[in-house]
Every structure is written in structure tokens, then in C-alpha cells.
């Protein structure tokens, strides 16, 4: 695994990455004294930064989802993952800055004699859930990955790749184990937990909601297993309101600001505009969220004949994958330019969409339309709009739930609701095939990728295991598919 030999340096790395969190009495010149709670906080921040970021070296999921496209430099919008080794960078970030920190945190917590048994068990369960969430992202991104032999440092620098479906099955079991540990209540991380402030009840809801998401993911692969997992999750208790959201609290001053602000404002660069894919879908729907999602830098004249009268539109998306001029197209909304905009990892509206999809697939005995309406309403309210806005929006024929084509209804609205959360929007598109109007990039004309390619160093560092994995995946290619991506047709 790339950079796995740097495992011994992880504690020092995480100390640097989170040194500005307040309330920690830690001797930063003595890494051996770092606490499990500190490493847990560090891992939470690292995960939130990576999943929120629009850094083209690691996270180009907003382009995969075609919410945004690029301006001057367009390799990533044209799905070139090799030039910057994007797969390798994302892989390293999640393995080293998240999973390894959590692993080391669990080692330290297990050995901490100052913790009572309940607190220790709860801390271990919560750290485990953060790992499970991260493992699921890696599987959905790459397919087969090092899992059972990963995170062993110098003891094994050439870990085998595990089957992606087998990893999912093990993650389900780990979720159940974590829920069983947390159901007794008691204390955990307290303020060191920046998502839920140590609330074991909230972490149980998170665990069940994650279980539901993974169940829906595997519904085309194993419908029976999906139904069992989905019903167990719902019966045990998933998110039921906005306050359940798993949202990382970025701050108003560096270095703990939202990474979108870093890329869109602090950098002084003008690298992104809204993609025509997104504009062409959201505008005809009269979606009230458009004023939040997209900046007010119009109107734009779309009349190409200079001798004809102008034709003005309020929003104009840049042709996906083209060398777009920043001033000629709609910009990213103002909210995403704020330093302390929260980093949403999982939301109540997302869970309602999952419930709607589970009902439409007959995995659960519930009303798909009710959950669909609840999902759309919750998302509109999340963005600061009103219940009346949601009601008017859903009253439109173009938006109202269509039981005959539920994939279009759920797929399109979920994709819109996941704006700026490119990874989840892309994963939803892979499963549902909607929106079905995704564009081929102007330059490369490639279809939307189904996965990231592996780190470019893996064929050299871990050749035998890499070859086994790529053979099982049908090649280390953008169009190879993870195990649950069965029925999606692509673009």
C-alpha cells in the first residue's frame, strides 16, 4: 500500500493537522503522549475535509456528479485521473489520515486504564463506526481494496486486496456489534467528538442510518440481504430530523475552515463554474434551492447572432469538460464561499430518500411517496427555505412522485439534494441511473467513470496483490464496476 511504510509518522502528522482545536492539554513535542481522543478528533476532521474538498488532486466527485465543471485546467472534468494520481492521493488520505489514526486511537483507548469499562466500550464502538463509514467510501470508490491485512504498518507493506462484497458483509457485522455496545448508553468522547459531542444515542442513529444506506446500495446485488438489513436498521432507529445530521463544524478562521472556502476564496483562483448538466436540469423545475446553489452573476445573453436581439437567461452552465471562461457562466452559490459552512457527512433528508428507495424496491413495507415528499421537504428546509417553498415545488407535475418511474423521481431529486456532496451524488447516480442526461466531456468524450483507478504506485509496490485485484475487477479501469453497481446503464 502506498506510503504504508510511513505509518510510524502518523501520530506526528495528525498532531500537525489538528493542532488548533482548543481544549487539549497535550505536549505536542512528545507524540507518544497523544491521547486516543485526540487522534479520534483528528480523524473526524481529516474525513470531513477530504469529503468536502474540491481539491483536484484528490476529490473530483463534484465533476463525476456533473454539478460543477472546470475553467482553465480541464483534465479532471475530462476524467484524467492519472496526471495527478488522484486515486492514489484519495487512497492515501483515507488510509493514513483517517483509518490509521482511528486504528491507533483504538489501540490507545484499549490500553487506557483510566477509562471505565462503559466509556472505553463506547469510545471503541464510535471509532469503529467512523472506520466503517470510511471503509464503505473506499469500497464504493475503488471496489476491491486492502482490508483484512491493511493498517499493519511495517508488519505488512504488501497487503492483499479483499473482495468488495465480502468487505461489505463484514461491515454489516461490525455495525451490529457497534450498535450492541452503544445501546447501553453512558459516556464516550464528550467534546472530542465534533459530530455528536459524545452522544451514544446519536451514534446509534448514525449506525442504523449507515446500515440502511449500505442495504440500499446492495439491493440489486442481493435483494434478500438488503431487505433484512434495511428493516433491521429502521426498526432500531434511523435519522428522523435535521438535528440528527452528521455535520462537521468548520470554523471561521484557518486552518479549520471549510475546504471549499480554501479552494474558492482563499486560493484566489477561479477554477470552477456550474456545469450545464446541472443548470439544464434544475432551471426547468423551478427549484427554490437554485438561489442557494448557484450565484447571482447573470443574466447571460445566449443569442449567438450578434445582429439579433439578446436572449437573456438568469443561469447558464458551462459546457461540461470544456475550457470554460469563468465570467461567462454561472458561479457557485455564496454559501459555499463561507469559511464556517458545515461539512455534511450524512443527513436526515438523505435517509428519507433511502427510505423512499427501499420502499419503491419493496425492501420495506412503507409508502415510497411519503418518504420522497419528506426527503424533498427536509432538504429544502435544510438550505434555509420554507415549508411553503417545498409544498409549491412538490405540487408541480414535473416534481411530484411518479410511482411508474420512481428511479427518475428519486434519482433526480436525490442528485439535486446532494449538491456539493459529489461522492454521494455520484454513487446515487450509479445505482439509479438518474439523471439520465449526463454529458460526455467536450474533450475526452468519455462516459462518467464507475470508479477511481488504483494508486499509480500499486503495480510496483504491491504487484502480485494488485494484479489479483484488477483481474477480479475486470481491469483497473474507469468503467470497471464495484460489486453492487450491476444495473446502471451509464451515459
Protein backbone atom coordinates (compact mmCIF):
# COMPACT_ATOMS: atom_id res chain seq x y z
CA UNK A 1 0.00 0.00 0.00
CA UNK A 2 1.35 3.37 -0.99
CA UNK A 3 3.02 5.19 1.92
CA UNK A 4 2.13 2.46 4.38
CA UNK A 5 5.76 2.45 5.47
CA UNK A 6 5.11 5.93 6.87
CA UNK A 7 2.76 4.51 9.49
CA UNK A 8 5.20 5.32 12.28
CA UNK A 9 4.94 9.02 11.43
CA UNK A 10 1.14 9.16 11.59
CA UNK A 11 0.92 10.47 15.14
CA UNK A 12 3.14 13.40 14.29
CA UNK A 13 1.18 14.09 11.11
CA UNK A 14 -2.15 14.16 12.89
CA UNK A 15 -0.78 16.40 15.62
CA UNK A 16 0.08 18.97 12.98
CA UNK A 17 -3.26 18.66 11.18
CA UNK A 18 -5.37 19.38 14.25
CA UNK A 19 -3.13 21.48 16.47
CA UNK A 20 -5.61 24.35 16.61
CA UNK A 21 -8.50 22.51 18.25
CA UNK A 22 -8.97 24.04 21.67
CA UNK A 23 -9.25 22.24 24.98
CA UNK A 24 -6.42 19.73 24.63
CA UNK A 25 -3.62 19.65 27.21
CA UNK A 26 -1.18 17.70 25.10
CA UNK A 27 2.58 18.00 24.93
CA UNK A 28 2.92 18.34 21.17
CA UNK A 29 6.67 17.78 21.42
CA UNK A 30 6.01 14.29 22.77
CA UNK A 31 3.86 12.36 20.27
CA UNK A 32 3.89 9.25 22.47
CA UNK A 33 1.65 11.15 24.93
CA UNK A 34 -1.09 11.78 22.39
CA UNK A 35 -4.49 10.55 23.53
CA UNK A 36 -6.93 8.31 21.73
CA UNK A 37 -9.49 11.12 21.86
CA UNK A 38 -7.10 13.49 20.11
CA UNK A 39 -6.49 11.03 17.29
CA UNK A 40 -10.24 10.45 17.00
CA UNK A 41 -10.84 14.20 16.59
CA UNK A 42 -8.04 14.40 14.06
CA UNK A 43 -9.58 11.59 12.02
CA UNK A 44 -13.01 13.23 12.08
CA UNK A 45 -11.56 16.45 10.73
CA UNK A 46 -9.47 14.67 8.09
CA UNK A 47 -12.51 12.79 6.82
CA UNK A 48 -14.71 15.89 6.73
CA UNK A 49 -12.04 17.88 4.88
CA UNK A 50 -11.45 15.17 2.30
CA UNK A 51 -15.13 14.58 1.55
CA UNK A 52 -15.99 18.31 1.41
CA UNK A 53 -12.94 19.34 -0.58
CA UNK A 54 -12.88 20.20 -4.24
CA UNK A 55 -9.09 19.77 -4.46
CA UNK A 56 -8.49 18.36 -7.94
CA UNK A 57 -5.57 16.31 -6.62
CA UNK A 58 -7.86 14.11 -4.56
CA UNK A 59 -11.59 14.79 -4.81
CA UNK A 60 -13.18 15.29 -8.23
CA UNK A 61 -16.52 13.75 -7.34
CA UNK A 62 -18.31 17.05 -7.95
CA UNK A 63 -17.19 16.65 -11.54
CA UNK A 64 -18.17 12.97 -11.61
CA UNK A 65 -21.65 14.09 -10.47
CA UNK A 66 -21.50 16.92 -13.04
CA UNK A 67 -22.65 19.54 -10.55
CA UNK A 68 -19.58 21.62 -11.40
CA UNK A 69 -17.11 21.78 -14.26
CA UNK A 70 -13.72 23.43 -14.68
CA UNK A 71 -12.37 26.54 -16.36
CA UNK A 72 -8.71 26.85 -17.40
CA UNK A 73 -7.49 23.38 -16.47
CA UNK A 74 -9.95 20.72 -17.58
CA UNK A 75 -8.13 17.39 -17.29
CA UNK A 76 -10.16 16.31 -14.27
CA UNK A 77 -13.53 17.21 -15.82
CA UNK A 78 -12.43 15.03 -18.73
CA UNK A 79 -11.75 12.16 -16.31
CA UNK A 80 -7.96 12.12 -16.40
CA UNK A 81 -7.11 10.53 -13.06
CA UNK A 82 -3.54 9.62 -13.94
CA UNK A 83 -1.99 13.07 -14.42
CA UNK A 84 -2.29 13.92 -10.72
CA UNK A 85 -2.59 10.33 -9.42
CA UNK A 86 -5.98 11.30 -8.00
CA UNK A 87 -6.83 7.77 -6.96
CA UNK A 88 -3.53 7.45 -5.13
CA UNK A 89 -3.94 10.72 -3.26
CA UNK A 90 -7.50 9.95 -2.18
CA UNK A 91 -6.44 6.43 -1.15
CA UNK A 92 -3.53 7.78 0.92
CA UNK A 93 -5.66 10.39 2.63
CA UNK A 94 -8.29 7.92 3.78
CA UNK A 95 -5.89 5.14 4.74
CA UNK A 96 -3.31 7.27 6.54
CA UNK A 97 -5.14 10.34 7.87
CA UNK A 98 -8.43 8.63 8.74
CA UNK A 99 -8.27 4.85 9.08
CA UNK A 100 -4.80 4.65 10.58
CA UNK A 101 -5.49 7.45 13.06
CA UNK A 102 -8.68 5.69 14.11
CA UNK A 103 -6.81 2.40 14.37
CA UNK A 104 -4.15 3.91 16.58
CA UNK A 105 -6.83 5.69 18.64
CA UNK A 106 -8.47 2.34 19.31
CA UNK A 107 -5.15 0.82 20.39
CA UNK A 108 -4.55 3.67 22.83
CA UNK A 109 -8.14 3.60 24.13
CA UNK A 110 -7.97 -0.16 24.69
CA UNK A 111 -4.82 0.27 26.78
CA UNK A 112 -6.06 3.30 28.74
CA UNK A 113 -6.53 2.13 32.34
CA UNK A 114 -8.03 5.48 33.37
CA UNK A 115 -11.24 4.79 31.41
CA UNK A 116 -14.12 2.93 32.98
CA UNK A 117 -15.39 -0.11 31.07
CA UNK A 118 -18.52 1.58 29.69
CA UNK A 119 -16.70 4.67 28.43
CA UNK A 120 -13.99 2.54 26.86
CA UNK A 121 -16.54 0.31 25.11
CA UNK A 122 -18.46 3.32 23.79
CA UNK A 123 -15.33 5.06 22.51
CA UNK A 124 -14.22 1.91 20.72
CA UNK A 125 -17.67 1.45 19.16
CA UNK A 126 -17.80 5.04 17.89
CA UNK A 127 -14.28 4.90 16.47
CA UNK A 128 -15.26 1.62 14.83
CA UNK A 129 -18.29 3.32 13.21
CA UNK A 130 -16.08 6.08 11.84
CA UNK A 131 -13.86 3.40 10.34
CA UNK A 132 -16.84 1.55 8.84
CA UNK A 133 -18.09 4.75 7.22
CA UNK A 134 -14.64 5.31 5.72
CA UNK A 135 -14.24 1.70 4.55
CA UNK A 136 -17.60 1.95 2.78
CA UNK A 137 -16.40 5.06 0.92
CA UNK A 138 -13.24 3.28 -0.19
CA UNK A 139 -15.13 0.22 -1.41
CA UNK A 140 -17.66 2.36 -3.31
CA UNK A 141 -14.79 4.31 -4.87
CA UNK A 142 -12.37 1.53 -5.86
CA UNK A 143 -14.06 -1.88 -5.46
CA UNK A 144 -11.61 -4.47 -4.10
CA UNK A 145 -9.23 -2.91 -1.58
CA UNK A 146 -6.79 -3.97 1.17
CA UNK A 147 -8.92 -4.59 4.26
CA UNK A 148 -8.16 -7.60 6.45
CA UNK A 149 -4.39 -7.15 6.01
CA UNK A 150 -4.44 -3.33 5.92
CA UNK A 151 -3.21 -0.92 8.61
CA UNK A 152 -0.41 -3.23 9.79
CA UNK A 153 2.41 -0.79 9.08
CA UNK A 154 5.82 -2.32 8.55
CA UNK A 155 4.44 -5.71 9.57
CA UNK A 156 2.81 -5.97 6.15
CA UNK A 157 3.54 -3.39 3.46
CA UNK A 158 2.06 -5.57 0.70
CA UNK A 159 -1.46 -6.39 1.94
CA UNK A 160 -3.83 -8.48 -0.11
CA UNK A 161 -6.93 -6.91 -1.62
CA UNK A 162 -10.21 -8.23 -0.25
CA UNK A 163 -13.34 -8.83 -2.32
CA UNK A 164 -15.55 -5.74 -2.17
CA UNK A 165 -18.77 -7.70 -1.50
CA UNK A 166 -17.08 -9.63 1.33
CA UNK A 167 -15.94 -6.36 2.88
CA UNK A 168 -19.49 -5.04 2.85
CA UNK A 169 -20.76 -8.18 4.60
CA UNK A 170 -18.12 -7.77 7.30
CA UNK A 171 -19.01 -4.10 7.71
CA UNK A 172 -22.64 -5.03 8.33
CA UNK A 173 -21.50 -7.31 11.14
CA UNK A 174 -19.27 -4.61 12.59
CA UNK A 175 -22.18 -2.13 12.57
CA UNK A 176 -24.31 -4.59 14.53
CA UNK A 177 -21.51 -5.06 17.04
CA UNK A 178 -21.11 -1.31 17.50
CA UNK A 179 -24.85 -0.83 18.00
CA UNK A 180 -24.88 -3.56 20.65
CA UNK A 181 -22.06 -1.82 22.52
CA UNK A 182 -23.68 1.61 22.37
CA UNK A 183 -27.21 0.62 23.32
CA UNK A 184 -26.28 0.64 26.99
CA UNK A 185 -25.74 4.39 26.94
CA UNK A 186 -23.14 6.07 29.14
CA UNK A 187 -20.33 8.47 28.33
CA UNK A 188 -17.90 8.39 25.42
CA UNK A 189 -15.74 11.10 23.83
CA UNK A 190 -17.57 14.19 25.08
CA UNK A 191 -16.33 17.36 23.38
CA UNK A 192 -13.66 15.48 21.46
CA UNK A 193 -16.46 14.14 19.28
CA UNK A 194 -17.11 17.06 16.93
CA UNK A 195 -20.07 15.37 15.23
CA UNK A 196 -22.28 14.34 18.17
CA UNK A 197 -20.47 15.56 21.31
CA UNK A 198 -20.25 12.04 22.64
CA UNK A 199 -23.97 11.19 22.46
CA UNK A 200 -24.25 7.41 22.24
CA UNK A 201 -27.92 7.70 21.26
CA UNK A 202 -26.99 9.82 18.23
CA UNK A 203 -24.28 7.38 17.23
CA UNK A 204 -26.80 4.53 17.32
CA UNK A 205 -28.96 6.50 14.88
CA UNK A 206 -25.89 7.13 12.73
CA UNK A 207 -25.06 3.41 12.75
CA UNK A 208 -28.57 2.39 11.73
CA UNK A 209 -28.71 5.05 9.01
CA UNK A 210 -25.38 3.86 7.61
CA UNK A 211 -26.69 0.30 7.69
CA UNK A 212 -29.76 1.45 5.74
CA UNK A 213 -27.60 3.21 3.14
CA UNK A 214 -25.45 0.14 2.63
CA UNK A 215 -28.56 -2.06 2.43
CA UNK A 216 -29.99 0.07 -0.38
CA UNK A 217 -26.60 0.02 -2.12
CA UNK A 218 -26.64 -3.80 -2.34
CA UNK A 219 -30.31 -4.10 -3.36
CA UNK A 220 -29.51 -5.11 -6.97
CA UNK A 221 -26.79 -7.50 -5.79
CA UNK A 222 -28.69 -9.31 -3.01
CA UNK A 223 -32.28 -8.19 -2.54
CA UNK A 224 -32.93 -10.57 0.34
CA UNK A 225 -29.94 -9.39 2.33
CA UNK A 226 -30.82 -5.77 1.52
CA UNK A 227 -34.37 -6.21 2.85
CA UNK A 228 -33.14 -7.81 6.07
CA UNK A 229 -30.56 -5.13 6.73
CA UNK A 230 -32.92 -2.26 5.83
CA UNK A 231 -35.70 -3.47 8.12
CA UNK A 232 -33.30 -4.10 10.99
CA UNK A 233 -31.89 -0.59 10.63
CA UNK A 234 -35.29 1.11 10.55
CA UNK A 235 -36.63 -0.93 13.46
CA UNK A 236 -33.57 0.00 15.53
CA UNK A 237 -33.92 3.71 14.71
CA UNK A 238 -32.54 5.86 11.87
CA UNK A 239 -32.36 9.66 11.49
CA UNK A 240 -35.77 11.30 11.99
CA UNK A 241 -34.98 15.04 11.96
CA UNK A 242 -32.41 17.62 10.93
CA UNK A 243 -30.76 17.58 14.36
CA UNK A 244 -29.60 14.03 13.61
CA UNK A 245 -27.36 15.23 10.77
CA UNK A 246 -23.69 14.24 10.96
CA UNK A 247 -22.17 17.64 10.20
CA UNK A 248 -18.60 18.71 10.93
CA UNK A 249 -18.38 22.23 12.46
CA UNK A 250 -15.79 24.09 10.43
CA UNK A 251 -14.62 27.39 11.92
CA UNK A 252 -14.34 30.95 10.69
CA UNK A 253 -10.54 31.15 10.77
CA UNK A 254 -7.77 29.00 9.25
CA UNK A 255 -6.69 26.23 9.49
CA UNK A 256 -10.11 24.86 10.47
CA UNK A 257 -12.16 26.47 7.71
CA UNK A 258 -14.32 24.61 5.22
CA UNK A 259 -12.05 23.39 2.39
CA UNK A 260 -14.47 24.79 -0.18
CA UNK A 261 -13.66 28.27 1.11
CA UNK A 262 -9.97 27.43 0.79
CA UNK A 263 -10.39 26.46 -2.88
CA UNK A 264 -12.97 29.05 -3.92
CA UNK A 265 -11.87 32.09 -1.90
CA UNK A 266 -8.55 31.82 -0.09
CA UNK A 267 -6.75 30.48 -3.15
CA UNK A 268 -7.82 33.48 -5.22
CA UNK A 269 -8.44 31.12 -8.11
CA UNK A 270 -11.47 30.88 -10.38
CA UNK A 271 -11.34 27.22 -11.32
CA UNK A 272 -15.00 26.17 -11.29
CA UNK A 273 -18.35 27.10 -12.78
CA UNK A 274 -21.69 25.35 -12.62
CA UNK A 275 -21.96 22.58 -15.21
CA UNK A 276 -24.56 22.80 -17.95
CA UNK A 277 -25.73 19.34 -16.84
CA UNK A 278 -26.88 20.80 -13.52
CA UNK A 279 -28.34 24.04 -14.87
CA UNK A 280 -30.28 22.28 -17.62
CA UNK A 281 -31.98 20.05 -15.04
CA UNK A 282 -32.65 22.43 -12.16
CA UNK A 283 -33.90 25.50 -14.07
CA UNK A 284 -36.98 23.91 -15.72
CA UNK A 285 -38.06 22.52 -12.34
CA UNK A 286 -38.43 25.99 -10.78
CA UNK A 287 -36.39 24.66 -7.88
CA UNK A 288 -36.27 27.17 -4.98
CA UNK A 289 -32.79 25.93 -4.00
CA UNK A 290 -31.31 27.42 -7.15
CA UNK A 291 -30.68 30.75 -5.39
CA UNK A 292 -28.59 28.89 -2.80
CA UNK A 293 -26.82 26.50 -5.12
CA UNK A 294 -25.92 28.98 -7.86
CA UNK A 295 -24.53 32.51 -7.64
CA UNK A 296 -26.41 35.58 -8.86
CA UNK A 297 -23.94 36.65 -11.53
CA UNK A 298 -26.35 36.65 -14.50
CA UNK A 299 -28.13 37.45 -16.69
CA UNK A 300 -26.43 35.89 -19.70
CA UNK A 301 -27.10 36.52 -23.36
CA UNK A 302 -27.45 33.21 -25.17
CA UNK A 303 -28.17 34.70 -28.59
CA UNK A 304 -25.23 33.72 -30.79
CA UNK A 305 -26.06 36.11 -33.63
CA UNK A 306 -24.52 39.50 -32.75
CA UNK A 307 -27.03 41.26 -35.03
CA UNK A 308 -30.08 39.75 -33.31
CA UNK A 309 -31.82 40.93 -30.15
CA UNK A 310 -30.31 39.43 -26.98
CA UNK A 311 -31.92 36.44 -25.30
CA UNK A 312 -31.32 36.76 -21.58
CA UNK A 313 -31.27 33.91 -19.06
CA UNK A 314 -30.56 34.11 -15.33
CA UNK A 315 -28.48 30.93 -15.19
CA UNK A 316 -26.08 29.43 -17.70
CA UNK A 317 -23.94 26.34 -17.16
CA UNK A 318 -20.54 25.83 -18.69
CA UNK A 319 -20.40 23.01 -21.26
CA UNK A 320 -19.19 20.03 -19.27
CA UNK A 321 -15.49 19.35 -19.76
CA UNK A 322 -14.90 22.40 -21.97
CA UNK A 323 -12.28 25.11 -21.45
CA UNK A 324 -14.84 27.49 -19.97
CA UNK A 325 -14.31 31.16 -19.20
CA UNK A 326 -15.20 31.87 -15.56
CA UNK A 327 -17.05 35.13 -16.22
CA UNK A 328 -19.27 33.69 -18.95
CA UNK A 329 -21.14 31.15 -16.83
CA UNK A 330 -22.96 30.79 -13.52
CA UNK A 331 -20.87 30.63 -10.38
CA UNK A 332 -21.06 28.52 -7.24
CA UNK A 333 -23.50 29.98 -4.67
CA UNK A 334 -22.35 32.38 -1.95
CA UNK A 335 -23.00 29.95 0.91
CA UNK A 336 -20.23 27.69 -0.33
CA UNK A 337 -17.79 30.59 -0.14
CA UNK A 338 -18.16 30.95 3.64
CA UNK A 339 -15.41 29.88 6.00
CA UNK A 340 -17.60 28.07 8.53
CA UNK A 341 -20.10 26.35 6.23
CA UNK A 342 -20.60 22.98 7.89
CA UNK A 343 -19.22 19.78 6.38
CA UNK A 344 -22.21 17.48 5.97
CA UNK A 345 -21.34 13.78 6.03
CA UNK A 346 -24.81 12.29 6.42
CA UNK A 347 -28.24 13.91 6.64
CA UNK A 348 -31.85 13.29 7.58
CA UNK A 349 -33.05 14.17 4.07
CA UNK A 350 -30.64 11.60 2.65
CA UNK A 351 -32.11 8.96 4.96
CA UNK A 352 -35.66 9.82 3.81
CA UNK A 353 -34.54 9.35 0.20
CA UNK A 354 -33.08 5.98 1.18
CA UNK A 355 -36.38 5.06 2.83
CA UNK A 356 -38.24 6.08 -0.33
CA UNK A 357 -35.95 3.95 -2.47
CA UNK A 358 -36.17 0.99 -0.09
CA UNK A 359 -39.98 1.22 -0.21
CA UNK A 360 -40.04 1.53 -4.01
CA UNK A 361 -37.84 -1.57 -4.24
CA UNK A 362 -40.19 -3.41 -1.83
CA UNK A 363 -37.40 -3.88 0.67
CA UNK A 364 -39.56 -2.36 3.41
CA UNK A 365 -43.31 -2.10 3.92
CA UNK A 366 -43.66 1.65 3.77
CA UNK A 367 -45.02 4.37 1.49
CA UNK A 368 -42.38 5.49 -1.00
CA UNK A 369 -44.20 8.70 -1.90
CA UNK A 370 -44.45 9.82 1.72
CA UNK A 371 -40.73 9.33 2.23
CA UNK A 372 -39.98 11.04 -1.08
CA UNK A 373 -42.03 14.09 -0.10
CA UNK A 374 -40.41 14.13 3.34
CA UNK A 375 -36.95 13.91 1.77
CA UNK A 376 -37.51 16.80 -0.64
CA UNK A 377 -39.13 18.92 2.07
CA UNK A 378 -36.35 18.24 4.58
CA UNK A 379 -33.69 19.17 2.04
CA UNK A 380 -35.39 22.41 1.05
CA UNK A 381 -35.71 23.34 4.73
CA UNK A 382 -32.05 22.46 5.32
CA UNK A 383 -31.00 25.07 2.80
CA UNK A 384 -32.93 27.76 4.66
CA UNK A 385 -36.08 27.84 2.54
CA UNK A 386 -39.68 27.43 3.74
CA UNK A 387 -42.32 24.71 4.01
CA UNK A 388 -44.40 26.70 1.52
CA UNK A 389 -41.48 26.58 -0.92
CA UNK A 390 -41.35 22.81 -0.53
CA UNK A 391 -45.11 22.39 -0.95
CA UNK A 392 -45.22 24.55 -4.09
CA UNK A 393 -42.26 22.66 -5.52
CA UNK A 394 -43.80 19.23 -4.94
CA UNK A 395 -47.12 20.36 -6.37
CA UNK A 396 -45.54 20.59 -9.82
CA UNK A 397 -46.19 17.65 -12.12
CA UNK A 398 -42.52 17.60 -13.09
CA UNK A 399 -41.51 17.11 -9.45
CA UNK A 400 -44.38 15.07 -7.96
CA UNK A 401 -43.52 11.44 -7.20
CA UNK A 402 -44.02 9.12 -10.17
CA UNK A 403 -44.58 5.55 -8.99
CA UNK A 404 -44.29 4.30 -12.58
CA UNK A 405 -40.79 5.75 -12.90
CA UNK A 406 -39.66 6.01 -9.29
CA UNK A 407 -35.99 5.83 -10.27
CA UNK A 408 -36.37 9.09 -12.17
CA UNK A 409 -38.22 10.82 -9.34
CA UNK A 410 -35.92 9.65 -6.56
CA UNK A 411 -32.74 9.67 -8.63
CA UNK A 412 -33.19 13.22 -9.93
CA UNK A 413 -34.31 14.77 -6.66
CA UNK A 414 -31.70 12.98 -4.58
CA UNK A 415 -28.98 14.12 -7.01
CA UNK A 416 -30.22 17.71 -6.67
CA UNK A 417 -30.39 17.44 -2.88
CA UNK A 418 -26.78 16.22 -2.72
CA UNK A 419 -25.42 19.34 -4.41
CA UNK A 420 -21.77 19.91 -3.43
CA UNK A 421 -21.64 16.40 -1.94
CA UNK A 422 -20.24 14.95 -5.13
CA UNK A 423 -19.34 11.49 -3.84
CA UNK A 424 -22.87 10.66 -2.66
CA UNK A 425 -24.48 12.23 -5.74
CA UNK A 426 -22.23 10.14 -7.99
CA UNK A 427 -22.92 6.94 -6.03
CA UNK A 428 -26.67 7.55 -6.20
CA UNK A 429 -26.43 8.10 -9.96
CA UNK A 430 -24.55 4.81 -10.39
CA UNK A 431 -27.32 2.94 -8.59
CA UNK A 432 -30.38 4.65 -10.07
CA UNK A 433 -29.19 5.84 -13.50
CA UNK A 434 -30.79 9.24 -12.98
CA UNK A 435 -30.35 11.91 -14.04
CA UNK A 436 -30.13 10.17 -17.41
CA UNK A 437 -28.86 13.31 -19.17
CA UNK A 438 -25.25 13.22 -18.01
CA UNK A 439 -22.97 14.74 -20.63
CA UNK A 440 -19.85 13.34 -22.23
CA UNK A 441 -16.93 15.73 -21.60
CA UNK A 442 -16.30 18.02 -24.55
CA UNK A 443 -12.65 16.99 -24.94
CA UNK A 444 -12.34 13.33 -23.92
CA UNK A 445 -15.94 12.29 -24.68
CA UNK A 446 -15.62 9.58 -22.03
CA UNK A 447 -18.63 8.24 -20.11
CA UNK A 448 -18.95 9.07 -16.41
CA UNK A 449 -16.48 6.79 -14.56
CA UNK A 450 -17.82 3.98 -12.40
CA UNK A 451 -14.79 4.04 -10.07
CA UNK A 452 -11.43 5.63 -9.30
CA UNK A 453 -8.40 3.78 -10.64
CA UNK A 454 -5.93 2.42 -8.09
CA UNK A 455 -2.83 4.39 -6.99
CA UNK A 456 -0.26 4.50 -9.77
CA UNK A 457 2.40 3.10 -7.43
CA UNK A 458 0.48 -0.07 -6.55
CA UNK A 459 1.65 -2.12 -9.57
CA UNK A 460 5.24 -1.55 -8.40
CA UNK A 461 4.85 -1.68 -4.61
CA UNK A 462 2.23 -4.43 -4.34
CA UNK A 463 2.36 -6.05 -7.76
CA UNK A 464 1.03 -9.56 -7.10
CA UNK A 465 -1.92 -8.42 -4.99
CA UNK A 466 -2.65 -5.53 -7.37
CA UNK A 467 -2.74 -7.95 -10.31
CA UNK A 468 -5.09 -10.29 -8.46
CA UNK A 469 -7.40 -7.39 -7.60
CA UNK A 470 -7.51 -5.91 -11.07
CA UNK A 471 -8.15 -9.31 -12.59
CA UNK A 472 -11.09 -9.82 -10.23
CA UNK A 473 -12.40 -6.33 -11.02
CA UNK A 474 -12.20 -6.84 -14.77
CA UNK A 475 -9.30 -4.43 -15.05
CA UNK A 476 -8.09 -1.31 -13.28
CA UNK A 477 -10.28 0.88 -15.46
CA UNK A 478 -12.71 3.75 -15.09
CA UNK A 479 -15.53 1.61 -16.44
CA UNK A 480 -14.93 -1.37 -14.13
CA UNK A 481 -17.66 -1.69 -11.53
CA UNK A 482 -17.91 -2.26 -7.81
CA UNK A 483 -19.97 -5.30 -6.87
CA UNK A 484 -23.29 -3.50 -6.26
CA UNK A 485 -23.14 -1.42 -9.47
CA UNK A 486 -24.95 -4.01 -11.60
CA UNK A 487 -27.90 -2.49 -13.43
CA UNK A 488 -26.72 1.06 -14.07
CA UNK A 489 -26.56 1.82 -17.78
CA UNK A 490 -24.30 4.88 -17.67
CA UNK A 491 -24.23 7.67 -20.21
